[in-house]
């Protein structure tokens, strides 16, 4: 068998296929409403249909894939109200993370967050790099919150958010605004002000929500039919 993607050379081809499909959903290569055909995916990834079937089942368990009559397994669609609910709960969870981190984060962790945000400020014209640095900022903040149950809830939420596709940070103006919003959170962390940290983070998520809705409206396919 020819050499393939590094993810598919892992001991479990099912896990490798799952990670590959997950990344394609997050990148927008697989969009809401797209069919997941075992034969096509197996041929494309150069593996058998069995691990593909395992991967699709795992995506179903995550709530990212659903079965549609006469179409089979498809990437799940989110309607307008579900997008609103996702960002509402994201604001609650990430706001709590910022509040907890204001008390629990070490000076070293706050310094690391400052470094990540400075790197983001220098990469606002590189969508892929900006996305990765933003992800690092939020994950580092979540780790600094020192709450395993919150981290577990965020992991579940982040998977569902993948259905929405590419990050809004691909837009330079949004990336620049995110840097400023992160700085507001950092100011509150340095002051050890939990209420202000939560307020700043919630404002950041609301801004992200507005940008996401604009992105979704700009797509060729309407949100409700994706």
N, C-alpha and C. Protein backbone atom coordinates (compact mmCIF):
# COMPACT_ATOMS: atom_id res chain seq x y z
N UNK A 1 0.84 -1.19 0.00
CA UNK A 1 0.00 0.00 0.00
C UNK A 1 0.88 1.24 0.00
N UNK A 2 0.56 2.23 -0.84
CA UNK A 2 1.38 3.44 -0.91
C UNK A 2 1.39 4.19 0.41
N UNK A 3 2.46 4.97 0.60
CA UNK A 3 2.55 5.80 1.79
C UNK A 3 1.43 6.83 1.75
N UNK A 4 0.79 7.10 2.90
CA UNK A 4 -0.34 8.01 2.95
C UNK A 4 -0.11 9.04 4.02
N UNK A 5 -1.17 9.80 4.30
CA UNK A 5 -1.12 10.83 5.34
C UNK A 5 -0.58 10.24 6.64
N UNK A 6 0.30 10.97 7.38
CA UNK A 6 0.86 10.46 8.62
C UNK A 6 -0.19 10.00 9.61
N UNK A 7 -1.35 10.65 9.63
CA UNK A 7 -2.40 10.24 10.56
C UNK A 7 -2.85 8.81 10.31
N UNK A 8 -2.78 8.38 9.04
CA UNK A 8 -3.27 7.07 8.68
C UNK A 8 -2.21 5.99 8.85
N UNK A 9 -1.01 6.34 9.30
CA UNK A 9 0.01 5.35 9.57
C UNK A 9 0.05 4.98 11.05
N UNK A 10 -0.92 5.51 11.83
CA UNK A 10 -1.02 5.16 13.23
C UNK A 10 -1.49 3.72 13.36
N UNK A 11 -1.27 3.08 14.54
CA UNK A 11 -1.69 1.71 14.73
C UNK A 11 -3.17 1.49 14.42
N UNK A 12 -4.03 2.44 14.77
CA UNK A 12 -5.44 2.30 14.50
C UNK A 12 -5.81 3.11 13.27
N UNK A 13 -6.10 2.45 12.15
CA UNK A 13 -6.52 3.16 10.95
C UNK A 13 -7.85 3.84 11.18
N UNK A 14 -8.70 3.24 12.04
CA UNK A 14 -9.98 3.86 12.35
C UNK A 14 -9.79 5.20 13.01
N UNK A 15 -8.87 5.28 13.97
CA UNK A 15 -8.60 6.55 14.63
C UNK A 15 -7.97 7.55 13.67
N UNK A 16 -7.09 7.05 12.81
CA UNK A 16 -6.46 7.92 11.83
C UNK A 16 -7.48 8.50 10.87
N UNK A 17 -8.42 7.66 10.41
CA UNK A 17 -9.46 8.14 9.51
C UNK A 17 -10.36 9.13 10.22
N UNK A 18 -10.65 8.88 11.47
CA UNK A 18 -11.48 9.79 12.26
C UNK A 18 -10.81 11.16 12.36
N UNK A 19 -9.52 11.19 12.70
CA UNK A 19 -8.80 12.45 12.83
C UNK A 19 -8.75 13.19 11.49
N UNK A 20 -8.58 12.45 10.42
CA UNK A 20 -8.52 13.06 9.08
C UNK A 20 -9.86 13.69 8.72
N UNK A 21 -10.96 12.97 8.93
CA UNK A 21 -12.28 13.50 8.61
C UNK A 21 -12.62 14.68 9.52
N UNK A 22 -12.20 14.60 10.77
CA UNK A 22 -12.44 15.69 11.71
C UNK A 22 -11.75 16.96 11.22
N UNK A 23 -10.50 16.82 10.75
CA UNK A 23 -9.75 17.98 10.27
C UNK A 23 -10.39 18.54 9.00
N UNK A 24 -10.94 17.68 8.16
CA UNK A 24 -11.59 18.14 6.93
C UNK A 24 -12.87 18.90 7.24
N UNK A 25 -13.59 18.48 8.27
CA UNK A 25 -14.79 19.21 8.69
C UNK A 25 -14.39 20.58 9.22
N UNK A 26 -13.36 20.60 10.07
CA UNK A 26 -12.91 21.87 10.66
C UNK A 26 -12.42 22.84 9.60
N UNK A 27 -11.78 22.31 8.55
CA UNK A 27 -11.23 23.16 7.49
C UNK A 27 -12.26 23.58 6.46
N UNK A 28 -13.46 22.98 6.54
CA UNK A 28 -14.49 23.31 5.58
C UNK A 28 -14.42 22.49 4.30
N UNK A 29 -13.48 21.53 4.23
CA UNK A 29 -13.40 20.66 3.06
C UNK A 29 -14.62 19.75 3.01
N UNK A 30 -15.12 19.36 4.18
CA UNK A 30 -16.40 18.66 4.30
C UNK A 30 -17.36 19.64 4.96
N UNK A 31 -18.43 19.99 4.26
CA UNK A 31 -19.34 21.00 4.75
C UNK A 31 -20.67 20.38 5.18
N UNK A 32 -21.45 21.12 5.99
CA UNK A 32 -22.76 20.63 6.40
C UNK A 32 -23.59 20.18 5.21
N UNK A 33 -24.16 18.98 5.32
CA UNK A 33 -24.96 18.43 4.23
C UNK A 33 -24.17 17.52 3.31
N UNK A 34 -22.83 17.55 3.35
CA UNK A 34 -22.03 16.68 2.49
C UNK A 34 -22.17 15.22 2.93
N UNK A 35 -22.28 14.34 1.95
CA UNK A 35 -22.39 12.90 2.24
C UNK A 35 -21.02 12.31 2.55
N UNK A 36 -21.02 11.34 3.45
CA UNK A 36 -19.80 10.59 3.76
C UNK A 36 -19.99 9.18 3.23
N UNK A 37 -19.42 8.92 2.07
CA UNK A 37 -19.56 7.62 1.41
C UNK A 37 -18.36 6.76 1.74
N UNK A 38 -18.60 5.61 2.34
CA UNK A 38 -17.51 4.75 2.78
C UNK A 38 -16.54 4.42 1.64
N UNK A 39 -17.07 4.06 0.49
CA UNK A 39 -16.22 3.65 -0.63
C UNK A 39 -15.32 4.80 -1.09
N UNK A 40 -15.92 5.98 -1.25
CA UNK A 40 -15.14 7.14 -1.73
C UNK A 40 -14.05 7.51 -0.73
N UNK A 41 -14.39 7.53 0.56
CA UNK A 41 -13.42 7.91 1.58
C UNK A 41 -12.31 6.87 1.67
N UNK A 42 -12.66 5.60 1.62
CA UNK A 42 -11.67 4.53 1.69
C UNK A 42 -10.67 4.63 0.54
N UNK A 43 -11.18 4.89 -0.66
CA UNK A 43 -10.30 5.03 -1.82
C UNK A 43 -9.41 6.26 -1.69
N UNK A 44 -9.99 7.35 -1.22
CA UNK A 44 -9.23 8.60 -1.10
C UNK A 44 -8.14 8.50 -0.05
N UNK A 45 -8.42 7.81 1.06
CA UNK A 45 -7.44 7.68 2.14
C UNK A 45 -6.58 6.43 1.99
N UNK A 46 -6.90 5.60 0.97
CA UNK A 46 -6.14 4.38 0.69
C UNK A 46 -6.12 3.43 1.87
N UNK A 47 -7.31 3.20 2.42
CA UNK A 47 -7.50 2.23 3.49
C UNK A 47 -8.76 1.44 3.18
N UNK A 48 -9.04 0.42 3.98
CA UNK A 48 -10.24 -0.39 3.76
C UNK A 48 -11.47 0.33 4.29
N UNK A 49 -12.64 -0.19 3.97
CA UNK A 49 -13.89 0.45 4.40
C UNK A 49 -14.16 0.28 5.89
N UNK A 50 -13.58 -0.76 6.50
CA UNK A 50 -13.86 -1.01 7.92
C UNK A 50 -13.43 0.15 8.82
N UNK A 51 -12.18 0.64 8.73
CA UNK A 51 -11.81 1.79 9.57
C UNK A 51 -12.60 3.05 9.23
N UNK A 52 -13.01 3.19 7.97
CA UNK A 52 -13.83 4.35 7.60
C UNK A 52 -15.18 4.26 8.31
N UNK A 53 -15.73 3.05 8.34
CA UNK A 53 -17.01 2.85 9.04
C UNK A 53 -16.86 3.18 10.52
N UNK A 54 -15.74 2.78 11.11
CA UNK A 54 -15.49 3.10 12.53
C UNK A 54 -15.41 4.61 12.73
N UNK A 55 -14.73 5.28 11.81
CA UNK A 55 -14.56 6.73 11.93
C UNK A 55 -15.90 7.45 11.84
N UNK A 56 -16.75 7.01 10.91
CA UNK A 56 -18.06 7.63 10.75
C UNK A 56 -18.91 7.42 12.00
N UNK A 57 -18.83 6.24 12.57
CA UNK A 57 -19.58 5.97 13.81
C UNK A 57 -19.10 6.88 14.94
N UNK A 58 -17.79 7.12 15.01
CA UNK A 58 -17.25 7.98 16.05
C UNK A 58 -17.70 9.42 15.84
N UNK A 59 -17.76 9.85 14.59
CA UNK A 59 -18.25 11.20 14.29
C UNK A 59 -19.73 11.33 14.63
N UNK A 60 -20.48 10.25 14.44
CA UNK A 60 -21.89 10.24 14.83
C UNK A 60 -22.01 10.39 16.35
N UNK A 61 -21.17 9.68 17.08
CA UNK A 61 -21.20 9.76 18.55
C UNK A 61 -20.86 11.17 19.01
N UNK A 62 -20.02 11.88 18.25
CA UNK A 62 -19.65 13.26 18.58
C UNK A 62 -20.77 14.24 18.24
N UNK A 63 -21.75 13.78 17.47
CA UNK A 63 -22.82 14.67 17.03
C UNK A 63 -22.47 15.48 15.80
N UNK A 64 -21.39 15.10 15.09
CA UNK A 64 -20.96 15.84 13.90
C UNK A 64 -21.54 15.27 12.61
N UNK A 65 -21.98 14.03 12.69
CA UNK A 65 -22.53 13.34 11.51
C UNK A 65 -23.88 12.76 11.89
N UNK A 66 -24.80 12.79 10.94
CA UNK A 66 -26.12 12.22 11.17
C UNK A 66 -26.54 11.43 9.94
N UNK A 67 -27.55 10.58 10.09
CA UNK A 67 -28.07 9.83 8.95
C UNK A 67 -29.30 10.51 8.40
N UNK A 68 -29.28 10.78 7.11
CA UNK A 68 -30.39 11.43 6.42
C UNK A 68 -31.06 10.42 5.51
N UNK A 69 -32.39 10.32 5.54
CA UNK A 69 -33.09 9.36 4.68
C UNK A 69 -32.69 9.50 3.21
N UNK A 70 -32.40 8.38 2.58
CA UNK A 70 -32.02 8.29 1.17
C UNK A 70 -30.68 8.94 0.85
N UNK A 71 -30.00 9.47 1.86
CA UNK A 71 -28.68 10.07 1.62
C UNK A 71 -27.59 9.37 2.41
N UNK A 72 -27.95 8.79 3.55
CA UNK A 72 -26.97 8.11 4.38
C UNK A 72 -26.27 9.06 5.32
N UNK A 73 -25.03 8.73 5.68
CA UNK A 73 -24.27 9.55 6.63
C UNK A 73 -23.90 10.89 5.99
N UNK A 74 -24.23 11.97 6.66
CA UNK A 74 -23.91 13.30 6.17
C UNK A 74 -23.39 14.15 7.31
N UNK A 75 -22.59 15.16 6.98
CA UNK A 75 -22.14 16.11 7.98
C UNK A 75 -23.37 16.87 8.48
N UNK A 76 -23.51 16.94 9.77
CA UNK A 76 -24.69 17.54 10.37
C UNK A 76 -24.80 19.03 10.03
N UNK A 77 -26.02 19.49 9.87
CA UNK A 77 -26.27 20.91 9.67
C UNK A 77 -26.72 21.54 10.98
N UNK A 78 -26.39 22.79 11.16
CA UNK A 78 -26.83 23.54 12.34
C UNK A 78 -27.73 24.67 11.87
N UNK A 79 -28.91 24.78 12.48
CA UNK A 79 -29.77 25.89 12.11
C UNK A 79 -29.39 27.13 12.92
N UNK A 80 -30.04 28.23 12.61
CA UNK A 80 -29.68 29.52 13.21
C UNK A 80 -29.76 29.46 14.73
N UNK A 81 -30.81 28.85 15.26
CA UNK A 81 -30.98 28.81 16.72
C UNK A 81 -29.88 27.99 17.38
N UNK A 82 -29.43 26.93 16.71
CA UNK A 82 -28.36 26.11 17.28
C UNK A 82 -27.04 26.88 17.32
N UNK A 83 -26.78 27.67 16.28
CA UNK A 83 -25.56 28.49 16.27
C UNK A 83 -25.61 29.50 17.41
N UNK A 84 -26.78 30.11 17.60
CA UNK A 84 -26.95 31.07 18.70
C UNK A 84 -26.69 30.39 20.04
N UNK A 85 -27.25 29.20 20.22
CA UNK A 85 -27.09 28.48 21.49
C UNK A 85 -25.64 28.08 21.72
N UNK A 86 -24.95 27.67 20.66
CA UNK A 86 -23.55 27.29 20.79
C UNK A 86 -22.70 28.45 21.31
N UNK A 87 -22.89 29.62 20.71
CA UNK A 87 -22.09 30.76 21.14
C UNK A 87 -22.53 31.28 22.51
N UNK A 88 -23.81 31.12 22.84
CA UNK A 88 -24.26 31.51 24.18
C UNK A 88 -23.54 30.68 25.25
N UNK A 89 -23.49 29.37 25.04
CA UNK A 89 -22.86 28.50 26.04
C UNK A 89 -21.34 28.66 25.99
N UNK A 90 -20.79 28.96 24.81
CA UNK A 90 -19.35 29.21 24.73
C UNK A 90 -18.97 30.44 25.56
N UNK A 91 -19.80 31.48 25.49
CA UNK A 91 -19.53 32.69 26.28
C UNK A 91 -19.55 32.37 27.77
N UNK A 92 -20.49 31.52 28.18
CA UNK A 92 -20.58 31.15 29.59
C UNK A 92 -19.33 30.37 30.02
N UNK A 93 -18.98 29.34 29.24
CA UNK A 93 -17.86 28.48 29.62
C UNK A 93 -16.52 29.21 29.56
N UNK A 94 -16.28 29.94 28.47
CA UNK A 94 -14.99 30.63 28.36
C UNK A 94 -14.91 31.83 29.31
N UNK A 95 -16.05 32.43 29.58
CA UNK A 95 -16.07 33.49 30.58
C UNK A 95 -15.69 32.95 31.95
N UNK A 96 -16.23 31.76 32.28
CA UNK A 96 -15.88 31.12 33.55
C UNK A 96 -14.41 30.75 33.58
N UNK A 97 -13.88 30.27 32.45
CA UNK A 97 -12.46 29.91 32.38
C UNK A 97 -11.58 31.12 32.66
N UNK A 98 -11.94 32.26 32.09
CA UNK A 98 -11.15 33.47 32.32
C UNK A 98 -11.22 33.90 33.79
N UNK A 99 -12.40 33.78 34.38
CA UNK A 99 -12.56 34.14 35.79
C UNK A 99 -11.72 33.23 36.68
N UNK A 100 -11.79 31.92 36.42
CA UNK A 100 -11.02 30.97 37.22
C UNK A 100 -9.52 31.21 37.05
N UNK A 101 -9.11 31.49 35.79
CA UNK A 101 -7.69 31.70 35.52
C UNK A 101 -7.16 32.95 36.21
N UNK A 102 -8.01 33.93 36.44
CA UNK A 102 -7.56 35.14 37.12
C UNK A 102 -7.09 34.83 38.53
N UNK A 103 -7.62 33.75 39.10
CA UNK A 103 -7.22 33.35 40.45
C UNK A 103 -6.14 32.27 40.43
N UNK A 104 -6.23 31.36 39.45
CA UNK A 104 -5.39 30.17 39.48
C UNK A 104 -4.14 30.24 38.61
N UNK A 105 -4.13 31.10 37.61
CA UNK A 105 -3.00 31.14 36.67
C UNK A 105 -1.72 31.63 37.35
N UNK A 106 -0.62 31.00 37.02
CA UNK A 106 0.67 31.46 37.53
C UNK A 106 1.14 32.64 36.70
N UNK A 107 2.12 33.37 37.21
CA UNK A 107 2.69 34.48 36.45
C UNK A 107 3.30 33.98 35.15
N UNK A 108 3.86 32.78 35.19
CA UNK A 108 4.48 32.20 33.99
C UNK A 108 3.40 31.93 32.93
N UNK A 109 2.24 31.43 33.36
CA UNK A 109 1.17 31.16 32.40
C UNK A 109 0.64 32.45 31.79
N UNK A 110 0.51 33.49 32.60
CA UNK A 110 0.06 34.77 32.07
C UNK A 110 1.09 35.32 31.07
N UNK A 111 2.35 35.15 31.39
CA UNK A 111 3.41 35.59 30.47
C UNK A 111 3.34 34.81 29.16
N UNK A 112 3.03 33.52 29.24
CA UNK A 112 2.90 32.70 28.04
C UNK A 112 1.72 33.18 27.19
N UNK A 113 0.63 33.51 27.83
CA UNK A 113 -0.53 34.04 27.11
C UNK A 113 -0.16 35.35 26.40
N UNK A 114 0.62 36.19 27.07
CA UNK A 114 1.05 37.45 26.47
C UNK A 114 1.92 37.19 25.24
N UNK A 115 2.80 36.19 25.34
CA UNK A 115 3.67 35.85 24.21
C UNK A 115 2.86 35.34 23.03
N UNK A 116 1.90 34.48 23.30
CA UNK A 116 1.06 33.93 22.22
C UNK A 116 0.29 35.06 21.53
N UNK A 117 -0.25 35.98 22.33
CA UNK A 117 -1.02 37.06 21.73
C UNK A 117 -0.14 38.01 20.93
N UNK A 118 1.09 38.22 21.39
CA UNK A 118 2.03 39.04 20.63
C UNK A 118 2.35 38.39 19.28
N UNK A 119 2.50 37.07 19.28
CA UNK A 119 2.75 36.35 18.04
C UNK A 119 1.53 36.43 17.12
N UNK A 120 0.35 36.39 17.71
CA UNK A 120 -0.88 36.53 16.92
C UNK A 120 -0.93 37.91 16.27
N UNK A 121 -0.54 38.93 17.02
CA UNK A 121 -0.54 40.29 16.48
C UNK A 121 0.38 40.42 15.26
N UNK A 122 1.42 39.60 15.23
CA UNK A 122 2.37 39.64 14.12
C UNK A 122 1.96 38.72 12.97
N UNK A 123 0.86 37.99 13.14
CA UNK A 123 0.47 37.01 12.12
C UNK A 123 -0.96 37.22 11.63
N UNK A 124 -1.48 38.44 11.77
CA UNK A 124 -2.87 38.66 11.41
C UNK A 124 -3.15 38.53 9.92
N UNK A 125 -2.10 38.57 9.09
CA UNK A 125 -2.29 38.41 7.64
C UNK A 125 -2.09 36.97 7.18
N UNK A 126 -1.90 36.07 8.12
CA UNK A 126 -1.71 34.64 7.82
C UNK A 126 -2.83 33.87 8.54
N UNK A 127 -3.90 33.58 7.80
CA UNK A 127 -5.08 32.97 8.41
C UNK A 127 -4.81 31.70 9.16
N UNK A 128 -4.04 30.79 8.57
CA UNK A 128 -3.77 29.50 9.21
C UNK A 128 -2.96 29.68 10.49
N UNK A 129 -1.96 30.55 10.44
CA UNK A 129 -1.13 30.81 11.62
C UNK A 129 -1.94 31.51 12.71
N UNK A 130 -2.77 32.46 12.31
CA UNK A 130 -3.61 33.18 13.27
C UNK A 130 -4.57 32.23 13.96
N UNK A 131 -5.16 31.31 13.18
CA UNK A 131 -6.07 30.33 13.76
C UNK A 131 -5.36 29.48 14.81
N UNK A 132 -4.16 29.00 14.49
CA UNK A 132 -3.43 28.14 15.41
C UNK A 132 -3.03 28.90 16.68
N UNK A 133 -2.59 30.13 16.54
CA UNK A 133 -2.19 30.91 17.72
C UNK A 133 -3.40 31.25 18.58
N UNK A 134 -4.52 31.54 17.95
CA UNK A 134 -5.74 31.80 18.71
C UNK A 134 -6.16 30.56 19.48
N UNK A 135 -6.05 29.40 18.82
CA UNK A 135 -6.38 28.14 19.49
C UNK A 135 -5.47 27.93 20.69
N UNK A 136 -4.18 28.20 20.52
CA UNK A 136 -3.23 28.06 21.62
C UNK A 136 -3.58 29.00 22.78
N UNK A 137 -3.96 30.22 22.46
CA UNK A 137 -4.31 31.18 23.50
C UNK A 137 -5.47 30.66 24.34
N UNK A 138 -6.52 30.22 23.68
CA UNK A 138 -7.71 29.76 24.41
C UNK A 138 -7.44 28.46 25.18
N UNK A 139 -6.65 27.56 24.61
CA UNK A 139 -6.33 26.31 25.30
C UNK A 139 -5.44 26.58 26.50
N UNK A 140 -4.48 27.49 26.36
CA UNK A 140 -3.60 27.83 27.48
C UNK A 140 -4.39 28.47 28.61
N UNK A 141 -5.32 29.32 28.25
CA UNK A 141 -6.18 29.95 29.26
C UNK A 141 -7.04 28.90 29.96
N UNK A 142 -7.57 27.96 29.19
CA UNK A 142 -8.39 26.90 29.77
C UNK A 142 -7.57 26.04 30.73
N UNK A 143 -6.34 25.72 30.35
CA UNK A 143 -5.47 24.96 31.25
C UNK A 143 -5.20 25.73 32.54
N UNK A 144 -5.03 27.05 32.40
CA UNK A 144 -4.73 27.89 33.56
C UNK A 144 -5.92 28.02 34.51
N UNK A 145 -7.11 27.69 34.02
CA UNK A 145 -8.31 27.78 34.86
C UNK A 145 -8.35 26.67 35.91
N UNK A 146 -7.62 25.57 35.66
CA UNK A 146 -7.51 24.48 36.63
C UNK A 146 -8.87 23.87 37.00
N UNK A 147 -9.67 23.57 35.98
CA UNK A 147 -10.96 22.95 36.25
C UNK A 147 -11.21 21.87 35.21
N UNK A 148 -11.08 20.61 35.61
CA UNK A 148 -11.18 19.49 34.67
C UNK A 148 -12.57 19.34 34.07
N UNK A 149 -13.61 19.66 34.85
CA UNK A 149 -14.97 19.52 34.34
C UNK A 149 -15.27 20.59 33.30
N UNK A 150 -14.75 21.77 33.52
CA UNK A 150 -14.90 22.84 32.54
C UNK A 150 -14.15 22.47 31.26
N UNK A 151 -12.97 21.92 31.40
CA UNK A 151 -12.17 21.52 30.23
C UNK A 151 -12.89 20.46 29.41
N UNK A 152 -13.53 19.52 30.09
CA UNK A 152 -14.26 18.46 29.40
C UNK A 152 -15.44 19.04 28.63
N UNK A 153 -16.16 19.96 29.24
CA UNK A 153 -17.30 20.59 28.58
C UNK A 153 -16.85 21.38 27.36
N UNK A 154 -15.71 22.08 27.47
CA UNK A 154 -15.21 22.86 26.35
C UNK A 154 -14.78 21.96 25.20
N UNK A 155 -14.21 20.82 25.51
CA UNK A 155 -13.79 19.89 24.45
C UNK A 155 -14.98 19.44 23.63
N UNK A 156 -16.08 19.13 24.29
CA UNK A 156 -17.30 18.72 23.59
C UNK A 156 -17.83 19.85 22.72
N UNK A 157 -17.86 21.05 23.28
CA UNK A 157 -18.35 22.21 22.54
C UNK A 157 -17.49 22.51 21.32
N UNK A 158 -16.18 22.41 21.48
CA UNK A 158 -15.27 22.73 20.38
C UNK A 158 -15.46 21.80 19.20
N UNK A 159 -15.78 20.54 19.48
CA UNK A 159 -16.03 19.61 18.37
C UNK A 159 -17.26 20.03 17.58
N UNK A 160 -18.32 20.42 18.27
CA UNK A 160 -19.52 20.85 17.57
C UNK A 160 -19.26 22.11 16.77
N UNK A 161 -18.46 23.02 17.31
CA UNK A 161 -18.14 24.25 16.59
C UNK A 161 -17.42 23.99 15.27
N UNK A 162 -16.77 22.82 15.16
CA UNK A 162 -16.07 22.49 13.93
C UNK A 162 -17.00 22.45 12.73
N UNK A 163 -18.28 22.14 12.97
CA UNK A 163 -19.24 22.05 11.88
C UNK A 163 -19.35 23.38 11.15
N UNK A 164 -19.08 24.46 11.86
CA UNK A 164 -19.23 25.79 11.27
C UNK A 164 -18.14 26.11 10.26
N UNK A 165 -17.09 25.29 10.23
CA UNK A 165 -16.07 25.47 9.20
C UNK A 165 -14.90 26.34 9.60
N UNK A 166 -14.20 26.91 8.61
CA UNK A 166 -12.96 27.66 8.85
C UNK A 166 -13.12 28.80 9.84
N UNK A 167 -12.05 29.09 10.53
CA UNK A 167 -12.04 30.15 11.53
C UNK A 167 -12.31 31.52 10.91
N UNK A 168 -12.99 32.39 11.66
CA UNK A 168 -13.21 33.75 11.21
C UNK A 168 -11.91 34.55 11.22
N UNK A 169 -10.85 34.01 11.84
CA UNK A 169 -9.57 34.72 11.89
C UNK A 169 -8.85 34.71 10.55
N UNK A 170 -9.44 34.07 9.56
CA UNK A 170 -8.88 34.17 8.21
C UNK A 170 -9.04 35.58 7.67
N UNK A 171 -9.95 36.35 8.28
CA UNK A 171 -10.12 37.75 7.92
C UNK A 171 -9.17 38.59 8.77
N UNK A 172 -8.30 39.36 8.13
CA UNK A 172 -7.29 40.13 8.84
C UNK A 172 -7.89 41.07 9.89
N UNK A 173 -8.99 41.74 9.53
CA UNK A 173 -9.58 42.69 10.47
C UNK A 173 -10.10 41.98 11.72
N UNK A 174 -10.62 40.77 11.55
CA UNK A 174 -11.12 40.02 12.71
C UNK A 174 -9.95 39.58 13.58
N UNK A 175 -8.86 39.16 12.96
CA UNK A 175 -7.68 38.75 13.73
C UNK A 175 -7.12 39.91 14.53
N UNK A 176 -7.08 41.09 13.92
CA UNK A 176 -6.57 42.27 14.62
C UNK A 176 -7.46 42.62 15.81
N UNK A 177 -8.78 42.52 15.61
CA UNK A 177 -9.72 42.80 16.70
C UNK A 177 -9.57 41.78 17.82
N UNK A 178 -9.33 40.51 17.46
CA UNK A 178 -9.16 39.46 18.47
C UNK A 178 -7.95 39.74 19.35
N UNK A 179 -6.89 40.27 18.78
CA UNK A 179 -5.69 40.61 19.56
C UNK A 179 -6.05 41.64 20.63
N UNK A 180 -6.80 42.67 20.24
CA UNK A 180 -7.20 43.70 21.20
C UNK A 180 -8.11 43.12 22.29
N UNK A 181 -9.00 42.24 21.87
CA UNK A 181 -9.92 41.61 22.83
C UNK A 181 -9.16 40.70 23.80
N UNK A 182 -8.17 39.99 23.29
CA UNK A 182 -7.31 39.18 24.17
C UNK A 182 -6.57 40.06 25.17
N UNK A 183 -6.11 41.22 24.69
CA UNK A 183 -5.39 42.13 25.59
C UNK A 183 -6.26 42.59 26.74
N UNK A 184 -7.55 42.78 26.49
CA UNK A 184 -8.46 43.18 27.56
C UNK A 184 -8.57 42.07 28.60
N UNK A 185 -8.59 40.81 28.12
CA UNK A 185 -8.62 39.67 29.04
C UNK A 185 -7.31 39.63 29.84
N UNK A 186 -6.20 39.84 29.16
CA UNK A 186 -4.89 39.81 29.82
C UNK A 186 -4.76 40.90 30.88
N UNK A 187 -5.29 42.07 30.60
CA UNK A 187 -5.25 43.15 31.60
C UNK A 187 -5.95 42.71 32.88
N UNK A 188 -7.09 42.04 32.71
CA UNK A 188 -7.84 41.59 33.88
C UNK A 188 -7.13 40.45 34.61
N UNK A 189 -6.46 39.58 33.85
CA UNK A 189 -5.71 38.48 34.48
C UNK A 189 -4.56 39.04 35.31
N UNK A 190 -3.84 40.01 34.75
CA UNK A 190 -2.73 40.60 35.48
C UNK A 190 -3.20 41.30 36.75
N UNK A 191 -4.41 41.87 36.70
CA UNK A 191 -4.97 42.56 37.87
C UNK A 191 -5.62 41.58 38.84
N UNK A 192 -5.69 40.29 38.44
CA UNK A 192 -6.35 39.26 39.24
C UNK A 192 -7.81 39.64 39.52
N UNK A 193 -8.45 40.20 38.50
CA UNK A 193 -9.84 40.65 38.61
C UNK A 193 -10.73 39.66 37.86
N UNK A 194 -11.33 38.73 38.59
CA UNK A 194 -12.14 37.68 37.99
C UNK A 194 -13.36 38.20 37.25
N UNK A 195 -14.06 39.17 37.84
CA UNK A 195 -15.26 39.71 37.19
C UNK A 195 -14.92 40.38 35.87
N UNK A 196 -13.85 41.15 35.86
CA UNK A 196 -13.46 41.85 34.64
C UNK A 196 -12.94 40.86 33.59
N UNK A 197 -12.24 39.84 34.03
CA UNK A 197 -11.75 38.81 33.09
C UNK A 197 -12.92 38.12 32.41
N UNK A 198 -13.94 37.78 33.19
CA UNK A 198 -15.13 37.14 32.61
C UNK A 198 -15.84 38.08 31.66
N UNK A 199 -15.99 39.33 32.05
CA UNK A 199 -16.66 40.31 31.19
C UNK A 199 -15.91 40.48 29.87
N UNK A 200 -14.59 40.58 29.94
CA UNK A 200 -13.78 40.77 28.73
C UNK A 200 -13.86 39.55 27.82
N UNK A 201 -13.84 38.37 28.41
CA UNK A 201 -13.92 37.16 27.59
C UNK A 201 -15.29 37.01 26.94
N UNK A 202 -16.33 37.32 27.68
CA UNK A 202 -17.67 37.24 27.09
C UNK A 202 -17.80 38.23 25.93
N UNK A 203 -17.22 39.42 26.08
CA UNK A 203 -17.26 40.40 24.99
C UNK A 203 -16.50 39.86 23.77
N UNK A 204 -15.39 39.18 24.02
CA UNK A 204 -14.61 38.58 22.94
C UNK A 204 -15.42 37.52 22.19
N UNK A 205 -16.13 36.67 22.93
CA UNK A 205 -16.93 35.63 22.30
C UNK A 205 -18.12 36.23 21.54
N UNK A 206 -18.71 37.28 22.08
CA UNK A 206 -19.81 37.94 21.36
C UNK A 206 -19.33 38.52 20.03
N UNK A 207 -18.13 39.10 20.05
CA UNK A 207 -17.56 39.65 18.81
C UNK A 207 -17.29 38.53 17.80
N UNK A 208 -16.79 37.41 18.30
CA UNK A 208 -16.54 36.24 17.45
C UNK A 208 -17.86 35.73 16.86
N UNK A 209 -18.90 35.75 17.67
CA UNK A 209 -20.22 35.30 17.24
C UNK A 209 -20.73 36.17 16.09
N UNK A 210 -20.61 37.47 16.24
CA UNK A 210 -21.06 38.38 15.18
C UNK A 210 -20.29 38.13 13.89
N UNK A 211 -19.00 37.91 14.02
CA UNK A 211 -18.17 37.65 12.84
C UNK A 211 -18.56 36.33 12.18
N UNK A 212 -18.87 35.34 13.01
CA UNK A 212 -19.27 34.04 12.47
C UNK A 212 -20.59 34.14 11.71
N UNK A 213 -21.55 34.86 12.27
CA UNK A 213 -22.84 35.00 11.59
C UNK A 213 -22.66 35.71 10.24
N UNK A 214 -21.79 36.70 10.20
CA UNK A 214 -21.49 37.39 8.95
C UNK A 214 -20.86 36.42 7.95
N UNK A 215 -19.95 35.59 8.43
CA UNK A 215 -19.29 34.61 7.57
C UNK A 215 -20.30 33.63 6.99
N UNK A 216 -21.22 33.15 7.84
CA UNK A 216 -22.21 32.18 7.39
C UNK A 216 -23.18 32.79 6.38
N UNK A 217 -23.56 34.04 6.59
CA UNK A 217 -24.47 34.70 5.64
C UNK A 217 -23.81 34.91 4.28
N UNK A 218 -22.48 34.99 4.30
CA UNK A 218 -21.74 35.25 3.06
C UNK A 218 -21.52 34.00 2.22
N UNK A 219 -21.81 32.86 2.80
CA UNK A 219 -21.61 31.62 2.04
C UNK A 219 -22.64 31.52 0.91
N UNK A 220 -22.29 30.74 -0.08
CA UNK A 220 -23.17 30.58 -1.24
C UNK A 220 -24.48 29.96 -0.82
N UNK A 221 -24.38 28.90 0.03
CA UNK A 221 -25.58 28.21 0.47
C UNK A 221 -26.11 28.87 1.72
N UNK A 222 -27.43 29.14 1.81
CA UNK A 222 -28.00 29.72 3.02
C UNK A 222 -27.74 28.82 4.21
N UNK A 223 -27.66 29.44 5.39
CA UNK A 223 -27.36 28.70 6.62
C UNK A 223 -28.34 27.56 6.85
N UNK A 224 -29.65 27.84 6.66
CA UNK A 224 -30.67 26.83 6.97
C UNK A 224 -30.64 25.65 6.02
N UNK A 225 -29.97 25.76 4.87
CA UNK A 225 -29.95 24.66 3.91
C UNK A 225 -28.59 24.00 3.80
N UNK A 226 -27.66 24.41 4.66
CA UNK A 226 -26.30 23.85 4.58
C UNK A 226 -26.29 22.42 5.11
